[in-house]
Protein backbone atom coordinates (compact mmCIF):
# COMPACT_ATOMS: atom_id res chain seq x y z
CA MET A 1 -0.25 -0.01 -0.05
CA LYS A 2 1.05 3.38 -1.12
CA PHE A 3 -0.08 6.54 1.12
CA ASN A 4 -0.31 10.28 0.02
CA GLU A 5 1.44 12.59 2.57
CA ALA A 6 -2.22 13.47 4.16
CA GLN A 7 -2.59 9.55 4.80
CA LEU A 8 0.91 8.77 6.15
CA GLU A 9 0.21 11.88 8.64
CA GLN A 10 -3.05 10.00 9.75
CA VAL A 11 -1.38 6.36 9.97
CA PHE A 12 1.43 7.83 12.04
CA ILE A 13 -1.34 9.76 14.35
CA ALA A 14 -3.41 6.43 14.82
CA LEU A 15 -0.16 4.93 15.70
CA LEU A 16 0.94 6.99 18.45
CA GLU A 17 -2.46 7.15 19.70
CA ASP A 18 -2.20 3.53 20.25
CA GLU A 19 1.04 4.45 22.26
CA GLN A 20 -1.02 6.50 24.70
CA MET A 21 -0.59 9.68 23.36
CA VAL A 22 -3.11 12.30 22.65
CA HIS A 23 -3.79 14.10 19.48
CA GLN A 24 -4.46 17.71 18.64
CA VAL A 25 -4.73 20.07 15.54
CA GLY A 26 -2.21 23.09 15.76
CA ASN A 27 -5.32 25.22 15.63
CA VAL A 28 -6.30 23.77 19.27
CA VAL A 29 -2.90 24.25 20.63
CA ARG A 30 -2.51 27.75 19.35
CA GLN A 31 -6.13 28.69 20.96
CA THR A 32 -5.11 29.65 24.57
CA ALA A 33 -2.00 31.30 23.28
CA ALA A 34 -4.57 33.30 20.43
CA ASN A 35 -6.60 34.36 23.52
CA VAL A 36 -3.69 36.38 24.88
CA LEU A 37 -2.82 38.15 21.85
CA GLU A 38 -5.28 41.34 21.16
CA GLU A 39 -5.41 40.45 17.57
CA PRO A 40 -4.80 36.70 16.77
CA ILE A 41 -2.86 36.28 13.60
CA VAL A 42 -4.77 33.49 11.14
CA THR A 43 -3.33 32.45 7.73
CA TYR A 44 -4.70 30.01 5.37
CA GLY A 45 -6.81 28.91 8.32
CA HIS A 46 -3.97 28.62 10.65
CA ILE A 47 -3.48 30.54 13.97
CA ILE A 48 0.04 30.98 13.54
CA SER A 49 2.71 32.28 16.42
CA ASP A 50 6.54 32.08 16.31
CA LYS A 51 6.10 30.05 19.71
CA VAL A 52 7.21 26.47 19.47
CA LEU A 53 6.76 25.45 23.26
CA ILE A 54 3.35 24.85 24.70
CA ASP A 55 4.41 26.89 28.19
CA ASP A 56 0.61 25.92 29.50
CA ASP A 57 1.62 22.11 29.66
CA LEU A 58 4.92 22.76 30.95
CA ARG A 59 3.77 24.85 33.61
CA ALA A 60 1.00 22.08 34.59
CA TYR A 61 3.73 19.52 34.78
CA LEU A 62 6.08 21.42 36.84
CA SER A 63 3.71 22.51 38.95
CA GLN A 64 2.16 19.01 39.77
CA GLN A 65 5.61 17.56 39.71
CA TYR A 66 7.26 19.83 42.36
CA GLN A 67 4.45 20.80 44.72
CA HIS A 68 5.63 19.16 47.47
CA GLU A 69 8.76 21.69 47.26
CA GLU A 70 6.09 24.12 46.85
CA ILE A 71 7.62 25.51 43.51
CA THR A 72 6.31 29.07 43.05
CA GLU A 73 4.97 30.36 39.89
CA ASN A 74 7.73 32.82 39.38
CA GLU A 75 10.12 30.18 39.81
CA ILE A 76 8.19 28.35 37.14
CA GLU A 77 8.33 31.13 34.63
CA SER A 78 12.01 31.58 35.31
CA ILE A 79 12.18 28.12 34.00
CA ILE A 80 10.13 28.83 30.70
CA ARG A 81 12.22 31.71 30.23
CA ASP A 82 15.69 29.94 30.50
CA LEU A 83 14.42 27.80 27.95
CA ASP A 84 12.96 30.43 25.79
CA ARG A 85 15.95 32.36 25.63
CA LEU A 86 18.52 29.70 24.37
CA PRO A 87 19.90 31.22 21.09
CA SER A 88 18.66 29.72 17.78
CA SER A 89 21.67 31.55 15.99
CA ASP A 90 23.89 28.88 17.69
CA LEU A 91 21.58 25.89 17.30
CA TYR A 92 23.86 22.88 18.04
CA GLU A 93 25.33 24.26 21.32
CA SER A 94 21.62 25.31 22.21
CA ASN A 95 20.35 21.84 21.43
CA LYS A 96 23.39 20.57 23.29
CA ALA A 97 22.55 22.85 26.23
CA PHE A 98 18.92 21.81 26.45
CA MET A 99 19.66 18.02 25.91
CA LYS A 100 21.79 18.15 29.01
CA MET A 101 18.67 19.98 30.84
CA VAL A 102 16.22 17.10 29.80
CA SER A 103 18.38 14.13 30.43
CA ASP A 104 20.27 14.86 33.36
CA GLY A 105 17.94 17.67 35.07
CA PHE A 106 19.47 20.60 36.79
CA LEU A 107 19.22 22.27 40.28
CA LEU A 108 16.42 25.44 40.42
CA LYS A 109 18.03 28.46 42.38
CA ARG A 110 14.88 29.16 44.82
CA GLU A 111 12.83 32.49 44.91
CA ASP A 112 13.28 32.00 48.65
CA ARG A 113 17.22 31.94 49.43
CA LEU A 114 16.63 30.04 52.49
CA LYS A 115 14.91 27.01 50.71
CA LYS A 116 16.80 24.42 49.36
CA ASP A 117 17.89 24.31 45.56
CA ILE A 118 14.83 21.79 43.92
CA TYR A 119 16.38 19.53 41.31
CA ILE A 120 14.51 19.70 38.46
CA GLN A 121 13.80 17.11 35.70
CA LEU A 122 11.45 18.17 32.68
CA ILE A 123 10.54 14.61 32.01
CA ASP A 124 9.16 12.31 34.71
CA TYR A 125 11.68 9.23 34.11
CA SER A 126 10.28 7.24 37.06
CA SER A 127 7.69 3.98 36.11
CA ALA A 128 4.75 6.70 37.36
CA ASP A 129 5.11 8.50 33.98
CA LEU A 130 3.71 11.43 34.97
CA ASN A 131 4.10 12.81 31.42
CA THR A 132 1.52 14.98 29.13
CA TYR A 133 2.33 13.56 25.75
CA LYS A 134 0.74 15.34 22.61
CA ILE A 135 1.15 14.51 18.99
CA VAL A 136 0.36 17.99 17.25
CA ASN A 137 -0.29 18.35 13.05
CA GLN A 138 -0.62 21.40 11.46
CA LEU A 139 0.96 23.63 13.77
CA GLY A 140 1.82 27.01 12.23
CA ILE A 141 5.23 28.64 13.15
CA ARG A 142 6.15 32.00 12.08
CA GLY A 143 9.73 32.25 12.01
CA TYR A 144 11.54 33.62 8.91
CA GLU A 145 8.97 32.26 7.13
CA LEU A 146 5.61 30.66 8.06
CA ARG A 147 5.97 26.92 8.18
CA ILE A 148 3.87 23.83 8.93
CA PRO A 149 5.61 20.60 9.83
CA ASP A 150 3.88 17.40 9.48
CA LEU A 151 3.66 16.61 13.06
CA ILE A 152 5.53 17.05 16.37
CA LEU A 153 5.57 15.09 19.34
CA TYR A 154 5.32 17.22 22.72
CA ILE A 155 6.48 16.00 26.07
CA ASN A 156 5.30 18.27 28.71
CA GLY A 157 4.81 20.82 26.03
CA LEU A 158 8.64 20.42 24.75
CA PRO A 159 8.73 19.83 21.08
CA LEU A 160 10.90 16.86 21.49
CA VAL A 161 10.50 14.74 17.75
CA VAL A 162 9.79 16.44 14.42
CA PHE A 163 8.20 14.19 11.75
CA GLU A 164 8.52 14.99 8.29
CA PHE A 165 6.51 12.98 5.48
CA LYS A 166 6.62 12.40 1.78
CA SER A 167 4.28 10.78 -0.39
CA ALA A 168 5.88 7.30 -2.17
CA ILE A 169 3.23 7.70 -4.91
CA LYS A 170 4.86 10.77 -6.49
CA GLU A 171 7.73 9.72 -8.61
CA ASP A 172 9.52 12.79 -8.00
CA THR A 173 9.53 12.61 -4.34
CA THR A 174 11.55 10.84 -1.87
CA ILE A 175 12.30 9.90 1.58
CA HIS A 176 15.74 12.26 1.10
CA ASN A 177 13.35 15.29 0.30
CA ALA A 178 11.74 14.80 3.62
CA TYR A 179 15.30 15.23 5.04
CA GLU A 180 16.04 18.10 3.23
CA GLN A 181 12.56 19.76 4.46
CA LEU A 182 13.67 19.43 8.08
CA THR A 183 17.46 20.09 7.49
CA VAL A 184 17.79 22.71 5.09
CA ARG A 185 14.34 24.69 4.68
CA TYR A 186 13.10 24.17 8.49
CA LYS A 187 16.46 25.05 9.70
CA ARG A 188 16.63 28.03 7.63
CA ASP A 189 13.06 29.63 8.53
CA ILE A 190 11.92 27.98 12.18
CA PRO A 191 15.39 27.57 13.77
CA GLU A 192 13.58 27.96 17.09
CA LEU A 193 12.00 24.71 16.93
CA PHE A 194 15.25 22.89 16.85
CA LYS A 195 16.65 24.00 19.76
CA TYR A 196 14.37 21.43 21.59
CA ASN A 197 14.75 18.91 19.43
CA ALA A 198 15.81 15.10 20.40
CA PHE A 199 15.64 13.40 16.86
CA CYS A 200 13.51 13.38 13.82
CA VAL A 201 11.85 10.84 12.01
CA ILE A 202 11.19 10.90 7.95
CA SER A 203 9.01 8.76 6.09
CA ASP A 204 7.41 7.86 3.20
CA GLY A 205 5.38 4.74 4.25
CA ALA A 206 7.59 2.21 2.17
CA ASN A 207 10.43 3.73 4.27
CA SER A 208 10.65 5.27 7.94
CA LYS A 209 13.97 6.37 9.45
CA SER A 210 15.27 8.21 12.62
CA GLY A 211 18.27 10.31 13.08
CA SER A 212 19.81 13.42 14.71
CA PHE A 213 18.74 16.79 13.11
CA PHE A 214 22.90 17.70 12.73
CA ALA A 215 23.32 14.20 10.96
CA PRO A 216 23.85 13.59 7.38
CA TYR A 217 20.97 11.57 5.30
CA GLU A 218 23.18 8.28 5.20
CA PHE A 219 23.26 8.82 9.28
CA PHE A 220 19.09 8.24 9.19
CA TYR A 221 18.19 4.79 10.01
CA ALA A 222 15.25 2.21 10.19
CA TRP A 223 14.32 0.74 13.43
CA ARG A 224 13.36 -2.48 12.22
CA LYS A 225 12.93 -4.57 15.38
CA ILE A 226 10.83 -4.79 18.70
CA GLU A 227 11.29 -6.63 21.74
CA GLY A 228 9.99 -10.26 21.21
CA MET A 229 10.40 -10.35 17.81
CA LYS A 230 12.91 -12.86 16.23
CA THR A 231 13.78 -11.28 12.87
CA GLU A 232 13.97 -7.54 11.45
CA VAL A 233 11.13 -6.26 8.95
CA ASP A 234 11.39 -4.12 6.21
CA GLY A 235 9.24 -1.65 4.38
CA ILE A 236 5.73 -0.66 5.50
CA ASP A 237 6.47 -3.07 8.42
CA ALA A 238 9.08 -0.72 9.73
CA MET A 239 6.92 1.72 10.09
CA PHE A 240 5.21 -0.19 12.79
CA THR A 241 8.18 -1.35 14.24
CA LEU A 242 9.72 2.31 14.39
CA ILE A 243 6.64 3.53 16.44
CA GLN A 244 6.43 0.48 18.76
CA GLY A 245 9.79 0.21 19.16
CA MET A 246 11.01 4.01 19.91
CA PHE A 247 7.81 5.33 20.69
CA ASN A 248 6.92 3.01 23.55
CA ARG A 249 6.39 5.64 25.91
CA THR A 250 8.88 3.89 28.32
CA ARG A 251 11.51 3.14 25.50
CA LEU A 252 11.03 6.89 24.42
CA ARG A 253 12.10 8.16 27.92
CA ASP A 254 14.89 5.78 28.28
CA ILE A 255 16.21 6.82 24.55
CA ILE A 256 15.81 10.45 25.21
CA ARG A 257 17.90 9.94 28.52
CA ASN A 258 20.36 7.58 28.15
CA PHE A 259 20.78 6.93 24.30
CA ILE A 260 21.70 10.45 22.61
CA TYR A 261 24.89 11.29 22.82
CA LEU A 262 26.51 14.48 22.11
CA PRO A 263 30.38 14.74 22.86
CA ASP A 264 31.86 17.63 25.69
CA SER A 265 33.34 18.97 22.21
CA SER A 266 32.80 18.61 18.91
CA LYS A 267 34.28 20.42 15.43
CA LYS A 268 31.36 18.51 13.54
CA ASN A 269 28.39 19.08 15.46
CA GLU A 270 28.40 15.74 16.44
CA LYS A 271 24.69 14.37 17.63
CA ILE A 272 24.25 10.59 18.18
CA VAL A 273 21.19 8.77 18.58
CA CYS A 274 21.27 4.80 19.11
CA ARG A 275 20.03 2.54 16.52
CA TYR A 276 18.13 -0.10 17.66
CA PRO A 277 20.91 -2.92 17.87
CA GLN A 278 22.82 -0.54 20.32
CA TYR A 279 19.79 -0.24 22.25
CA TYR A 280 18.75 -3.53 22.68
CA ALA A 281 22.35 -4.74 23.53
CA THR A 282 22.78 -1.99 26.03
CA VAL A 283 19.72 -2.54 27.84
CA LYS A 284 20.27 -6.96 27.76
CA LEU A 285 23.56 -6.35 29.30
CA PHE A 286 22.83 -4.05 31.74
CA GLU A 287 20.08 -6.32 33.35
CA ASN A 288 22.46 -9.18 32.74
CA ILE A 289 25.61 -7.44 34.73
CA LYS A 290 22.84 -6.81 37.20
CA LEU A 291 21.96 -10.62 37.92
CA HIS A 292 25.49 -11.89 37.64
CA GLN A 293 27.56 -9.06 39.72
CA ARG A 294 29.34 -10.33 42.76
CA PRO A 295 29.34 -11.06 45.59
CA ASN A 296 25.70 -12.92 44.89
CA GLY A 297 26.32 -13.52 41.16
CA ASP A 298 29.23 -15.46 39.24
CA GLY A 299 30.70 -12.10 37.51
CA LYS A 300 29.93 -13.15 34.18
CA GLY A 301 28.27 -9.94 32.80
CA GLY A 302 27.82 -11.64 29.16
CA THR A 303 28.85 -11.53 25.84
CA TYR A 304 27.89 -9.41 23.29
CA PHE A 305 28.33 -10.88 19.63
CA GLY A 306 28.66 -8.03 17.01
CA THR A 307 29.72 -7.90 13.56
CA THR A 308 30.99 -4.96 11.44
CA GLY A 309 28.93 -2.12 11.93
CA CYS A 310 27.14 -3.04 15.29
CA GLY A 311 28.62 0.27 16.61
CA LYS A 312 29.94 -1.15 19.67
CA SER A 313 32.09 1.69 20.78
CA TYR A 314 28.95 3.45 21.03
CA THR A 315 27.46 0.44 22.67
CA MET A 316 29.86 0.74 25.65
CA LEU A 317 29.53 4.25 25.96
CA PHE A 318 25.89 3.84 26.31
CA LEU A 319 26.10 1.30 28.74
CA SER A 320 29.01 3.16 30.73
CA ARG A 321 26.38 5.98 31.00
CA MET A 322 23.66 3.59 32.36
CA LEU A 323 25.66 1.86 34.77
CA MET A 324 27.64 5.56 36.03
CA LYS A 325 23.86 7.04 36.40
CA SER A 326 22.11 3.73 37.99
CA THR A 327 21.69 4.00 41.66
CA TYR A 328 21.61 0.03 41.88
CA PHE A 329 25.58 0.07 41.19
CA GLY A 330 26.02 3.22 43.35
CA SER A 331 28.62 4.79 40.93
CA PRO A 332 30.79 1.88 39.77
CA THR A 333 34.34 2.09 38.54
CA ILE A 334 34.24 0.96 35.18
CA ILE A 335 37.68 -0.52 33.29
CA LEU A 336 37.77 -0.62 29.78
CA ILE A 337 40.13 -3.16 27.94
CA THR A 338 41.35 -3.76 24.37
CA ASP A 339 43.85 -6.00 22.97
CA ARG A 340 45.33 -3.49 20.95
CA THR A 341 46.76 0.14 21.11
CA ASP A 342 45.16 1.47 18.32
CA LEU A 343 41.69 0.19 19.36
CA ASP A 344 42.71 1.88 22.89
CA ASP A 345 43.72 4.93 21.20
CA GLN A 346 40.21 5.05 19.47
CA LEU A 347 38.19 4.36 22.57
CA SER A 348 40.25 6.79 24.53
CA GLY A 349 39.39 9.50 22.59
CA GLN A 350 35.91 8.79 22.42
CA PHE A 351 35.28 8.02 25.95
CA THR A 352 37.69 11.25 27.13
CA ASN A 353 35.68 13.56 25.25
CA ALA A 354 32.20 12.11 27.04
CA LYS A 355 32.88 12.95 30.31
CA GLY A 356 29.87 14.76 30.52
CA PHE A 357 27.61 12.10 28.96
CA ILE A 358 29.16 9.31 31.16
CA GLY A 359 28.45 11.40 34.50
CA ASP A 360 32.00 11.16 35.68
CA GLU A 361 35.20 13.70 35.28
CA THR A 362 37.47 10.77 36.16
CA VAL A 363 38.06 9.35 32.36
CA ILE A 364 41.68 8.41 32.37
CA SER A 365 43.60 6.37 29.80
CA VAL A 366 45.95 4.41 31.80
CA GLU A 367 49.83 4.38 31.29
CA SER A 368 50.60 0.96 33.25
CA ARG A 369 49.62 -1.37 35.76
CA SER A 370 51.27 0.53 38.52
CA ASN A 371 49.34 3.56 37.09
CA LEU A 372 46.07 1.73 37.51
CA ARG A 373 46.95 0.65 40.80
CA GLU A 374 47.65 4.03 42.26
CA LEU A 375 44.36 5.19 40.55
CA LEU A 376 42.55 2.35 42.26
CA GLN A 377 43.96 2.80 45.56
CA GLY A 378 41.63 4.51 47.98
CA ARG A 379 38.77 4.66 45.51
CA ASN A 380 35.56 3.41 46.61
CA SER A 381 33.17 4.05 43.44
CA GLY A 382 33.15 5.89 40.35
CA GLY A 383 35.79 6.41 37.59
CA VAL A 384 36.46 5.26 33.66
CA PHE A 385 40.33 3.68 33.11
CA LEU A 386 41.08 2.42 29.91
CA THR A 387 43.70 0.03 29.33
CA THR A 388 45.32 -2.72 27.03
CA ILE A 389 45.15 -6.33 28.16
CA HIS A 390 49.14 -6.13 27.69
CA LYS A 391 49.54 -4.04 30.88
CA PHE A 392 48.10 -6.58 32.88
CA THR A 393 51.20 -8.62 32.16
CA GLU A 394 53.70 -6.96 34.27
CA ASP A 395 52.38 -8.89 37.58
CA THR A 396 49.82 -10.35 39.40
CA LYS A 397 49.40 -8.39 42.61
CA LEU A 398 45.88 -7.66 43.42
CA LEU A 399 44.24 -4.18 42.21
CA THR A 400 41.26 -4.22 44.07
CA ASP A 401 38.66 -6.36 45.43
CA ARG A 402 36.04 -4.31 45.16
CA ASN A 403 32.71 -5.68 43.80
CA ASN A 404 31.57 -2.53 42.10
CA VAL A 405 34.47 -2.85 39.50
CA ILE A 406 32.68 -3.63 35.87
CA CYS A 407 35.38 -4.65 33.33
CA ILE A 408 34.23 -4.33 29.89
CA SER A 409 36.30 -5.82 27.20
CA ASP A 410 36.47 -4.97 23.65
CA GLU A 411 37.69 -8.17 20.96
CA ALA A 412 37.00 -10.54 23.86
CA HIS A 413 37.38 -13.57 21.58
CA ARG A 414 41.45 -13.21 21.45
CA SER A 415 44.06 -12.60 24.41
CA GLN A 416 41.52 -12.18 26.82
CA THR A 417 40.32 -15.32 27.37
CA ASN A 418 43.75 -17.46 28.19
CA LEU A 419 43.41 -18.71 31.63
CA ASP A 420 45.90 -21.12 31.26
CA GLN A 421 49.66 -21.46 32.43
CA LYS A 422 52.73 -21.87 30.03
CA ILE A 423 56.11 -23.01 31.00
CA SER A 424 58.91 -22.49 29.05
CA ILE A 425 62.48 -23.49 29.26
CA ASN A 426 65.59 -21.61 28.39
CA GLU A 427 69.09 -20.92 29.60
CA LYS A 428 68.24 -19.11 32.56
CA GLY A 429 65.85 -21.95 33.34
CA VAL A 430 62.01 -22.70 33.77
CA THR A 431 59.75 -19.65 33.24
CA LYS A 432 56.00 -19.75 34.19
CA THR A 433 53.70 -17.41 32.61
CA TYR A 434 50.13 -17.04 32.43
CA GLY A 435 47.56 -16.07 29.74
CA PHE A 436 46.41 -12.58 29.99
CA ALA A 437 42.97 -13.36 31.30
CA LYS A 438 44.55 -14.83 34.45
CA TYR A 439 46.65 -11.61 35.38
CA LEU A 440 43.34 -10.06 34.78
CA HIS A 441 41.51 -12.29 37.17
CA ASP A 442 43.63 -12.27 39.85
CA SER A 443 44.15 -8.54 39.60
CA LEU A 444 40.38 -7.90 40.06
CA PRO A 445 38.55 -11.11 41.53
CA ASN A 446 35.49 -9.48 42.32
CA ALA A 447 34.83 -7.48 39.16
CA THR A 448 31.87 -8.41 36.72
CA TYR A 449 33.20 -9.08 33.17
CA VAL A 450 31.43 -8.01 29.98
CA GLY A 451 32.76 -9.38 26.40
CA PHE A 452 32.36 -7.57 23.03
CA THR A 453 33.38 -9.61 20.29
CA GLY A 454 32.81 -10.44 16.60
CA THR A 455 33.91 -14.10 16.89
CA PRO A 456 32.53 -15.74 19.97
CA ILE A 457 34.14 -18.89 21.09
CA ASP A 458 33.74 -21.16 23.59
CA ALA A 459 36.58 -19.55 25.46
CA THR A 460 34.73 -16.34 25.42
CA ILE A 461 32.01 -17.74 26.94
CA ASP A 462 33.85 -19.40 29.67
CA VAL A 463 35.14 -16.20 30.75
CA PHE A 464 32.19 -13.67 30.27
CA GLY A 465 29.26 -15.89 30.29
CA GLU A 466 26.52 -16.66 27.49
CA ILE A 467 25.51 -14.23 24.37
CA VAL A 468 23.33 -11.91 25.72
CA ASP A 469 22.71 -10.35 22.24
CA ALA A 470 23.99 -10.34 18.75
CA TYR A 471 23.91 -8.32 15.38
CA THR A 472 24.78 -10.29 12.40
CA MET A 473 26.67 -9.38 9.22
CA THR A 474 23.36 -10.03 7.51
CA GLU A 475 21.47 -7.46 9.70
CA SER A 476 24.10 -4.97 9.00
CA VAL A 477 23.99 -5.55 5.40
CA GLU A 478 20.06 -5.46 5.66
CA ASP A 479 20.26 -1.95 8.15
CA GLU A 480 22.66 -0.43 5.40
CA ILE A 481 25.00 -0.04 7.65
CA THR A 482 27.69 -2.05 5.51
CA VAL A 483 27.34 -2.70 1.77
CA ARG A 484 28.72 -5.89 -0.37
CA ILE A 485 31.98 -5.39 -1.42
CA VAL A 486 32.39 -5.52 -5.35
CA TYR A 487 35.74 -6.58 -6.60
CA GLU A 488 36.86 -6.13 -9.88
CA GLY A 489 36.73 -9.80 -12.07
CA ARG A 490 33.68 -11.90 -12.72
CA ALA A 491 34.93 -15.15 -11.09
CA ALA A 492 32.54 -16.82 -8.53
CA LYS A 493 32.53 -15.85 -4.96
CA VAL A 494 34.62 -17.93 -3.01
CA LEU A 495 34.59 -18.34 0.65
CA LEU A 496 37.71 -18.29 3.00
CA ASN A 497 38.00 -18.61 6.79
CA ASN A 498 41.45 -18.36 8.38
CA HIS A 499 42.71 -21.76 7.84
CA LYS A 500 42.10 -21.18 4.31
CA LEU A 501 44.11 -18.25 4.18
CA GLU A 502 47.06 -20.05 6.13
CA GLU A 503 47.14 -22.87 3.27
CA ILE A 504 47.51 -19.92 0.87
CA GLU A 505 50.32 -18.49 2.32
CA ALA A 506 51.95 -21.65 2.84
CA TYR A 507 51.61 -22.74 -1.05
CA TYR A 508 53.03 -19.11 -1.76
CA ALA A 509 55.68 -19.95 0.69
CA GLN A 510 56.38 -23.20 -1.21
CA CYS A 511 56.37 -21.46 -4.47
CA ALA A 512 59.04 -19.51 -3.28
CA GLU A 513 61.36 -22.43 -2.24
CA GLU A 514 60.56 -24.21 -5.65
CA GLY A 515 61.87 -21.43 -7.24
CA SER A 516 59.31 -18.76 -7.85
CA ASN A 517 60.69 -15.12 -7.80
CA GLU A 518 59.52 -12.32 -5.68
CA ASN A 519 57.73 -10.68 -8.82
CA GLN A 520 55.77 -13.85 -9.87
CA ILE A 521 54.42 -14.43 -6.51
CA GLU A 522 53.34 -10.60 -6.23
CA GLU A 523 51.54 -11.01 -9.50
CA SER A 524 49.62 -13.95 -8.42
CA LYS A 525 48.63 -12.33 -5.22
CA LYS A 526 47.09 -9.22 -7.39
CA THR A 527 45.12 -11.52 -9.61
CA MET A 528 43.75 -13.41 -6.68
CA ALA A 529 42.69 -9.55 -5.16
CA LYS A 530 40.55 -8.89 -8.18
CA MET A 531 38.37 -11.82 -7.93
CA ASP A 532 34.84 -11.62 -6.33
CA VAL A 533 36.09 -13.28 -2.99
CA ILE A 534 34.32 -12.99 0.16
CA LEU A 535 36.63 -13.25 3.02
CA GLY A 536 34.83 -15.32 5.89
CA GLY A 537 32.78 -13.45 7.97
CA SER A 538 34.02 -9.92 6.24
CA THR A 539 31.29 -10.25 3.46
CA SER A 540 31.15 -6.36 3.54
CA HIS A 541 32.48 -3.23 3.64
CA LYS A 542 31.80 -1.01 6.74
CA LYS A 543 30.02 2.39 5.64
CA HIS A 544 29.26 3.44 9.09
CA SER A 545 30.05 2.20 12.72
CA THR A 546 28.39 4.37 14.78
């Protein structure tokens, strides 16, 4: 079935109403504000204004939520004024400041200085969910030009999600036109609206995607799965999974609070909205860590199997925030472990630029084992420390026996699972060495271990626990995160695993022994590279790994 834009708008309204959200037409929303004006402005039947907040909804929420603290009308008005004053001239910085207020809350200085400051949250994140959800269509906004967005989702009067639709019936329009409408025309004409934007949704019915207002089009993605589904969906079905997945009221609040990342500083206006595999993996790992944390559990926090394009570094970031912000864990110490220096550098750069998001100013790339020991001494909670597994081989002394330590290991299939003792004999005598995991577990005996891997093996599961969630190469390709490699040549596809690659290298070594020169061998290798070859597990080329 194909929809025109008006039909698509009505379908989305109906789906959002199914999620217990109230629909209002823009003129109804404007009615109260219009009554205040001496001469309400009406254009083409729309009551228009430059206001994008629904002040009355925000007033009602704050008054109800903080009545026990005896919040005053003046204090409520000061919050609304502060939100209004965020400049639209620097949209990214204003949005960053707003998202910080929405996700982390803020302290309100009291009108009566003798009273204790109030910790304000603009959204009720408790299970009570005492929020007002409104889906508003045909809201006329007067900016530099009059614009009427297709649909806006308001929570407590805050316009957090903007929807833009294009008809799949018209041959000359695509979902990309909806993206341009948002990020070019609306950005130019009504920037005020996007100071308060969490994320955007674009759809033509056949394709429905969400993403950051500041992201390039290719970083808008479908939400192709909801809880309990065994497989992902496409096409019109993905419209339903987007709404039931992202706009379930509990999940939507969780996404707004924990799964939208803005770095501490950014030259590229980065704002990362989670994709569905990152969301589900984070939530499942978080719950599994709670179940397995010592002393009551076995310390096996779980294994996450994620192939190319799963965006594991962001999943680690989302998980770190949830762990650090959770009252259950009481500000744990997180140790991030990689087995290669280049991975450590990559993660270090990302994590040290995410102190505000994680919620801890102590995010440190550790220079040595002794450096880590110094950092952990006397520390009872908090801190994020990044290191490579190799730094644990310096000795086997205890680093800390606390049980509120979470170790998150990258590429857990390699060196970090080896617990065996090795004995080597040389001119100095007999030397005993252990696998890196042995050093790790002796150093942090009561920690809970979580493993991220692209190649799960039995040893991984022995150390980190069962696979909690997985993201396969097939899913990555279907999500358009990775694209299939196309090589020169017309040869049939050949599947190669590591064993076959070793055989090929051995063959070339034999050729050299039998008299083939280096040039002949190199030419042969170049010819092989031109074949349409799928290297086992690497059937695709990474496009984007957030």
